[in-house]
Amino acid sequence: MTVVVLALVALAAAAAGYVYYHSYFEQTGDARVVTQATRPQARLAGKVMKVFVRDADVVKAGQPLIQLDPSGYRAAYEQRENELARSEKQLEGGRVYLARLRDAIEGGGDAARKKYEGGLKWFRSLEAKTQKQRLLAAEAQAQLKSTLVTAPGDGHVARSLVQPGAQVAVGQPLIELAGNAPPSVVAMFPASRLEKMKAGGRAVVFVPSLGKTFEGSVESLPTVSSGLRPPDSLIERVFSRLAKGAKQEAVTIVLDPVSIAGDLNRFTDGAAAEVKVYVK
């Protein structure tokens, strides 16, 4: 009997300590940094020749980021341009020849007309060939241009995903960029620990990869509702927490721009974080 009583006392003490500890703040280590991240991809396969930027560098839209080996694509483009030039020259000569055949129809009879019709058919095929050469040259030019990867918008380099000398495949992400807006943090809390949180409430975020702590505030809370009577006693509150503790809810924390000044360019999307949300 004494053992049971002592166990109950210990449970009550632990419960009281748990409730007291969480009466000032709630905390979690299950949180991730969220940035406006974009990851430009390789539009063609090739070797990375040069990376023009470093992690945390500020970039502007259109700024060169990565150069893939252009040699093979430049050779292909030059070949297409030469083929197009020959086709254009043939087309111009065909146009002059066709004009002569047209002029010969008058007074030339059926033979001259048939010769003109044959020449016209040949000229139409030459036009089609030249148009195809134009498209192939334009495609080769676009591929050559794609060897230079540029920034799609203003922001900063979160991290480079490739190094010079690397072979990349079509569709492979090359670099991670983040926008200029302050990052946010998505923190997972048990549903039972959202009761005292409020939008706008103070939050403190520690980012291990940066080794720094930042100020923030609760931007949004999930809607947690229940038709049950709120628990009254200490024991009821503890067991209510245990019952709801398995369900995880996402709380969004926005970081204070002043707090992260000087570190904005160092955040990476998906970085682990530890969050405290103050409730008093």
Protein backbone atom coordinates (compact mmCIF):
# COMPACT_ATOMS: atom_id res chain seq x y z
CA MET A 1 0.00 0.00 0.00
CA THR A 2 2.82 2.34 0.95
CA VAL A 3 4.52 1.66 -2.40
CA VAL A 4 1.35 2.56 -4.28
CA VAL A 5 0.96 5.78 -2.33
CA LEU A 6 4.58 6.74 -2.97
CA ALA A 7 4.15 5.99 -6.67
CA LEU A 8 1.07 8.21 -6.85
CA VAL A 9 2.88 10.98 -4.99
CA ALA A 10 5.82 10.71 -7.39
CA LEU A 11 3.46 10.79 -10.38
CA ALA A 12 1.68 13.82 -9.02
CA ALA A 13 5.00 15.57 -8.35
CA ALA A 14 6.22 14.81 -11.85
CA ALA A 15 2.95 16.01 -13.30
CA ALA A 16 3.12 19.20 -11.27
CA GLY A 17 6.70 19.80 -12.38
CA TYR A 18 5.76 19.17 -16.02
CA VAL A 19 2.86 21.61 -15.87
CA TYR A 20 4.93 24.25 -14.05
CA TYR A 21 7.81 23.90 -16.51
CA HIS A 22 5.47 24.39 -19.44
CA SER A 23 3.56 27.21 -17.77
CA TYR A 24 6.08 29.74 -19.17
CA PHE A 25 6.94 28.31 -22.57
CA GLU A 26 6.51 25.32 -24.85
CA GLN A 27 9.48 23.99 -26.76
CA THR A 28 10.26 21.49 -29.49
CA GLY A 29 13.29 20.25 -31.38
CA ASP A 30 11.13 19.15 -34.31
CA ALA A 31 11.32 22.29 -36.44
CA ARG A 32 12.63 23.29 -39.87
CA VAL A 33 13.63 26.57 -41.50
CA VAL A 34 11.54 27.53 -44.54
CA THR A 35 12.90 29.97 -47.11
CA GLN A 36 11.66 31.10 -50.52
CA ALA A 37 14.00 28.57 -52.05
CA THR A 38 14.43 27.91 -55.76
CA ARG A 39 16.77 25.34 -57.27
CA PRO A 40 17.74 26.09 -60.90
CA GLN A 41 18.22 22.83 -62.78
CA ALA A 42 20.51 21.80 -65.59
CA ARG A 43 18.65 22.02 -68.90
CA LEU A 44 21.23 19.81 -70.56
CA ALA A 45 23.92 17.32 -69.60
CA GLY A 46 27.52 18.39 -69.27
CA LYS A 47 30.52 19.18 -67.11
CA VAL A 48 30.56 22.06 -64.63
CA MET A 49 33.33 24.43 -65.75
CA LYS A 50 32.90 27.23 -63.24
CA VAL A 51 30.77 28.31 -60.27
CA PHE A 52 30.68 32.12 -60.21
CA VAL A 53 29.18 32.57 -56.73
CA ARG A 54 29.75 31.38 -53.19
CA ASP A 55 27.37 30.50 -50.39
CA ALA A 56 25.65 33.58 -48.89
CA ASP A 57 26.46 35.78 -51.94
CA VAL A 58 23.73 38.26 -52.89
CA VAL A 59 22.57 37.79 -56.49
CA LYS A 60 20.45 39.75 -58.94
CA ALA A 61 18.06 38.42 -61.57
CA GLY A 62 19.98 37.33 -64.66
CA GLN A 63 23.35 37.17 -62.88
CA PRO A 64 25.59 34.27 -64.04
CA LEU A 65 25.76 31.46 -61.49
CA ILE A 66 27.23 28.38 -63.14
CA GLN A 67 28.95 27.71 -66.47
CA LEU A 68 28.65 24.27 -68.02
CA ASP A 69 31.15 23.17 -70.66
CA PRO A 70 29.95 24.94 -73.84
CA SER A 71 32.49 23.46 -76.28
CA GLY A 72 30.34 20.64 -77.68
CA TYR A 73 27.25 22.84 -77.88
CA ARG A 74 29.20 25.67 -79.51
CA ALA A 75 30.52 23.27 -82.16
CA ALA A 76 26.99 21.99 -82.80
CA TYR A 77 25.68 25.56 -83.09
CA GLU A 78 28.43 26.57 -85.53
CA GLN A 79 27.70 23.48 -87.63
CA ARG A 80 24.00 24.34 -87.77
CA GLU A 81 24.80 27.93 -88.68
CA ASN A 82 27.04 26.79 -91.55
CA GLU A 83 24.35 24.42 -92.81
CA LEU A 84 21.79 27.21 -92.62
CA ALA A 85 24.08 29.59 -94.52
CA ARG A 86 24.44 27.03 -97.33
CA SER A 87 20.68 26.50 -97.46
CA GLU A 88 20.05 30.25 -97.52
CA LYS A 89 22.51 30.61 -100.40
CA GLN A 90 20.85 27.76 -102.32
CA LEU A 91 17.46 29.31 -101.67
CA GLU A 92 18.56 32.67 -103.04
CA GLY A 93 19.96 31.00 -106.17
CA GLY A 94 16.76 28.99 -106.54
CA ARG A 95 14.71 32.16 -106.32
CA VAL A 96 16.67 33.72 -109.22
CA TYR A 97 16.41 30.50 -111.27
CA LEU A 98 12.66 30.25 -110.68
CA ALA A 99 12.18 33.84 -111.82
CA ARG A 100 13.92 33.02 -115.10
CA LEU A 101 11.67 29.99 -115.65
CA ARG A 102 8.64 32.14 -114.97
CA ASP A 103 9.75 34.71 -117.53
CA ALA A 104 10.30 31.92 -120.09
CA ILE A 105 6.70 30.71 -119.88
CA GLU A 106 5.44 33.49 -122.11
CA GLY A 107 5.98 32.27 -125.63
CA GLY A 108 7.60 29.06 -124.43
CA GLY A 109 4.55 26.83 -124.69
CA ASP A 110 3.74 23.75 -122.60
CA ALA A 111 7.35 22.68 -122.31
CA ALA A 112 8.33 25.94 -120.61
CA ARG A 113 5.31 25.73 -118.30
CA LYS A 114 6.13 22.16 -117.25
CA LYS A 115 9.72 23.15 -116.62
CA TYR A 116 8.53 26.03 -114.44
CA GLU A 117 6.18 23.75 -112.48
CA GLY A 118 9.05 21.32 -111.86
CA GLY A 119 11.27 24.19 -110.78
CA LEU A 120 8.58 25.49 -108.45
CA LYS A 121 8.24 22.09 -106.80
CA TRP A 122 12.00 21.95 -106.30
CA PHE A 123 12.02 25.48 -104.88
CA ARG A 124 9.25 24.63 -102.38
CA SER A 125 11.26 21.67 -101.09
CA LEU A 126 14.30 23.94 -100.78
CA GLU A 127 12.22 26.42 -98.76
CA ALA A 128 11.09 23.63 -96.42
CA LYS A 129 14.67 22.45 -95.98
CA THR A 130 15.85 25.97 -95.19
CA GLN A 131 13.07 26.49 -92.65
CA LYS A 132 14.07 23.26 -90.93
CA GLN A 133 17.67 24.45 -90.85
CA ARG A 134 16.54 27.70 -89.21
CA LEU A 135 14.74 25.76 -86.47
CA LEU A 136 17.73 23.49 -85.89
CA ALA A 137 20.07 26.48 -85.67
CA ALA A 138 17.74 28.23 -83.21
CA GLU A 139 17.59 25.07 -81.08
CA ALA A 140 21.38 24.75 -81.09
CA GLN A 141 21.69 28.41 -80.10
CA ALA A 142 19.26 27.90 -77.20
CA GLN A 143 21.26 24.89 -75.99
CA LEU A 144 24.48 26.88 -76.13
CA LYS A 145 22.83 29.68 -74.16
CA SER A 146 21.61 27.14 -71.57
CA THR A 147 25.19 26.21 -70.67
CA LEU A 148 25.25 29.46 -68.69
CA VAL A 149 22.90 29.15 -65.69
CA THR A 150 21.64 32.50 -64.39
CA ALA A 151 19.66 33.63 -61.35
CA PRO A 152 15.88 33.59 -61.98
CA GLY A 153 15.35 36.44 -59.50
CA ASP A 154 16.90 38.56 -56.77
CA GLY A 155 18.02 36.79 -53.60
CA HIS A 156 21.07 35.10 -52.17
CA VAL A 157 22.91 31.81 -52.52
CA ALA A 158 21.82 29.37 -49.84
CA ARG A 159 24.23 26.69 -51.04
CA SER A 160 25.86 25.43 -54.20
CA LEU A 161 24.93 21.85 -55.05
CA VAL A 162 27.73 21.19 -57.55
CA GLN A 163 31.43 21.92 -57.85
CA PRO A 164 33.69 22.52 -60.89
CA GLY A 165 34.47 19.26 -62.64
CA ALA A 166 31.18 17.59 -61.73
CA GLN A 167 29.15 15.87 -64.45
CA VAL A 168 25.49 16.85 -64.34
CA ALA A 169 22.39 15.32 -65.90
CA VAL A 170 19.35 17.01 -67.39
CA GLY A 171 17.03 18.15 -64.60
CA GLN A 172 19.67 17.96 -61.87
CA PRO A 173 19.47 20.84 -59.32
CA LEU A 174 22.63 22.93 -59.49
CA ILE A 175 22.28 25.58 -56.80
CA GLU A 176 19.84 26.61 -54.08
CA LEU A 177 18.75 30.23 -53.97
CA ALA A 178 16.69 31.97 -51.30
CA GLY A 179 14.60 35.10 -51.69
CA ASN A 180 15.12 38.32 -49.76
CA ALA A 181 12.07 37.87 -47.51
CA PRO A 182 12.80 36.80 -43.92
CA PRO A 183 12.65 33.02 -43.50
CA SER A 184 10.07 31.36 -41.31
CA VAL A 185 10.20 28.26 -39.14
CA VAL A 186 7.64 25.47 -39.06
CA ALA A 187 7.63 23.80 -35.64
CA MET A 188 5.75 20.63 -34.76
CA PHE A 189 4.07 20.55 -31.34
CA PRO A 190 1.76 18.01 -29.73
CA ALA A 191 -1.82 19.26 -30.03
CA SER A 192 -2.09 19.31 -26.23
CA ARG A 193 0.57 22.02 -26.01
CA LEU A 194 -1.16 24.58 -28.22
CA GLU A 195 -3.79 25.59 -25.67
CA LYS A 196 -1.97 28.66 -24.33
CA MET A 197 -0.23 29.75 -27.50
CA LYS A 198 -1.43 32.87 -29.27
CA ALA A 199 -0.71 34.38 -32.67
CA GLY A 200 1.85 37.12 -32.20
CA GLY A 201 3.30 35.48 -29.10
CA ARG A 202 7.04 35.65 -28.55
CA ALA A 203 9.18 32.81 -29.86
CA VAL A 204 12.89 32.08 -29.69
CA VAL A 205 14.53 29.97 -32.39
CA PHE A 206 17.94 28.30 -32.18
CA VAL A 207 19.47 27.15 -35.47
CA PRO A 208 22.27 24.65 -34.74
CA SER A 209 23.87 24.95 -38.19
CA LEU A 210 24.38 28.68 -37.56
CA GLY A 211 25.07 28.34 -33.84
CA LYS A 212 22.81 31.32 -33.14
CA THR A 213 19.51 32.13 -31.48
CA PHE A 214 16.96 34.46 -33.10
CA GLU A 215 13.84 36.27 -31.93
CA GLY A 216 10.53 35.64 -33.63
CA SER A 217 6.80 35.47 -33.13
CA VAL A 218 3.97 33.03 -33.73
CA GLU A 219 2.55 33.79 -37.16
CA SER A 220 -0.18 31.18 -37.30
CA LEU A 221 -1.64 28.37 -35.25
CA PRO A 222 -3.64 25.35 -36.40
CA THR A 223 -7.28 25.21 -35.39
CA VAL A 224 -7.61 22.66 -32.61
CA SER A 225 -11.16 22.07 -31.44
CA SER A 226 -12.86 19.54 -29.20
CA GLY A 227 -16.40 19.04 -28.05
CA LEU A 228 -15.29 17.60 -24.70
CA ARG A 229 -15.44 19.46 -21.38
CA PRO A 230 -12.09 21.12 -20.65
CA PRO A 231 -10.19 19.23 -17.93
CA ASP A 232 -10.40 20.83 -14.48
CA SER A 233 -8.04 19.04 -12.15
CA LEU A 234 -4.27 18.72 -12.42
CA ILE A 235 -4.49 14.97 -13.04
CA GLU A 236 -7.16 15.51 -15.71
CA ARG A 237 -4.97 18.08 -17.47
CA VAL A 238 -1.99 15.73 -17.42
CA PHE A 239 -3.92 12.79 -18.82
CA SER A 240 -5.62 15.07 -21.36
CA ARG A 241 -2.16 16.09 -22.58
CA LEU A 242 -1.10 12.46 -22.78
CA ALA A 243 -4.22 11.56 -24.75
CA LYS A 244 -3.68 14.34 -27.28
CA GLY A 245 0.10 14.27 -27.23
CA ALA A 246 0.43 11.81 -30.08
CA LYS A 247 -1.15 14.23 -32.55
CA GLN A 248 1.37 16.70 -33.98
CA GLU A 249 0.37 20.16 -35.21
CA ALA A 250 2.40 22.67 -37.22
CA VAL A 251 3.03 26.13 -35.78
CA THR A 252 4.55 28.77 -38.05
CA ILE A 253 7.11 31.13 -36.54
CA VAL A 254 8.18 34.26 -38.40
CA LEU A 255 11.67 35.51 -37.60
CA ASP A 256 12.23 39.13 -36.61
CA PRO A 257 14.02 40.99 -39.47
CA VAL A 258 16.11 42.96 -36.96
CA SER A 259 17.14 39.78 -35.16
CA ILE A 260 18.36 38.09 -38.35
CA ALA A 261 20.03 41.17 -39.84
CA GLY A 262 23.47 40.13 -40.98
CA ASP A 263 22.48 36.46 -41.07
CA LEU A 264 19.73 36.50 -43.70
CA ASN A 265 22.05 35.12 -46.37
CA ARG A 266 23.14 32.22 -44.17
CA PHE A 267 19.80 30.44 -43.80
CA THR A 268 19.23 27.27 -45.80
CA ASP A 269 15.87 25.76 -46.59
CA GLY A 270 15.09 22.75 -44.40
CA ALA A 271 17.74 23.48 -41.76
CA ALA A 272 16.93 21.98 -38.34
CA ALA A 273 15.82 24.34 -35.58
CA GLU A 274 14.80 24.31 -31.92
CA VAL A 275 11.86 26.49 -30.90
CA LYS A 276 10.54 27.94 -27.65
CA VAL A 277 7.14 29.64 -27.66
CA TYR A 278 6.46 31.73 -24.58
CA VAL A 279 2.97 31.48 -23.15
CA LYS A 280 3.37 33.92 -20.22
